[in-house]
């Protein structure tokens, strides 16, 4: 009997190895993607989007040593990070399908979707250069990056060990609403940046509608995020991980608003503030996505416990 139990434990451990390997890979990709978006923001605010006039190479070389300066480095490193993430996405796709028998059935399909997004993102990156920073392509470029980032976070959060308490109530849907609203607000922010709406509005009273839409668009995600935080505070026996994520979301929201006000007051003249504004926005979105996934897992456990036992 003891040998049978040991054999069963050994099989269970072997089945966990691919899952653990993929989870670690996904979290590394999440960090790299967050860095990629921050570098992309720095590339835009430093007017380095066309520092490499060709694509996918830079001045026809893998490493343009002769032309290297800060602007060229930003654009070149942005492409390098994107290429590494692309290779990682291929590895994630291959590992998920190779080990599919010992993984959740949804994981290979999720990795396929992530690979599709990074390929599409690469195409948009090339069009960004060849179409000379056309604003709609630049906006779609960031929007796809955020969608890829949230897909990775969803995969990573769904794979971590978690035992819910069954007390989440409507929190999964409040968190999901907040995440969607923050994503849409991020797209508005990308549109403001890609069209330089703040400069044009303050300098020549043009594109003020775009800028004010982003300012007004702050209200819905703020209300949804604060509602999520408030409900978490009022919910007894909530899982500590959900409380931490909710508090983190509240802190990031407060910091994001401060950075937005400072960026507006300083007319985008302080580049680190602008880059931080976008990076914190992505971090807020990621926190809300992680919260929503865990809350949905908690809710699913509650529904499972309520199922009547077979007679």
Foldseek 3Di string as FASTA:
>chain_A
DVVVVVVVVVVLVVLCVLLVVLLVLLVVLLVLLLVLLLLVLLLLLVVLLCVQLAPPDRVPDLDPVVSDDPSSVSNSVSSVSLVVSLVSLVVQLVSCVVSVVSDPVCRNVLSVVLNVLSVVLVVLSRCCNVVVLDLVSQLVNVLSSLVSSLSSLLSSLLSDDDDWPLQCPCLLVLLVQLLVLLSVLLSLVSSCSSVVQLCCCVPPNPNVVSVVCSVVSLPVSVVSLVVSLVVVVVTPPGDPVLNVLSVVLVVLSVVLVVLVVVCSVVSVPDSVSSSVNSSSSSVSSSSSSSSSSNSVVNNVVNVVVPDDDDD
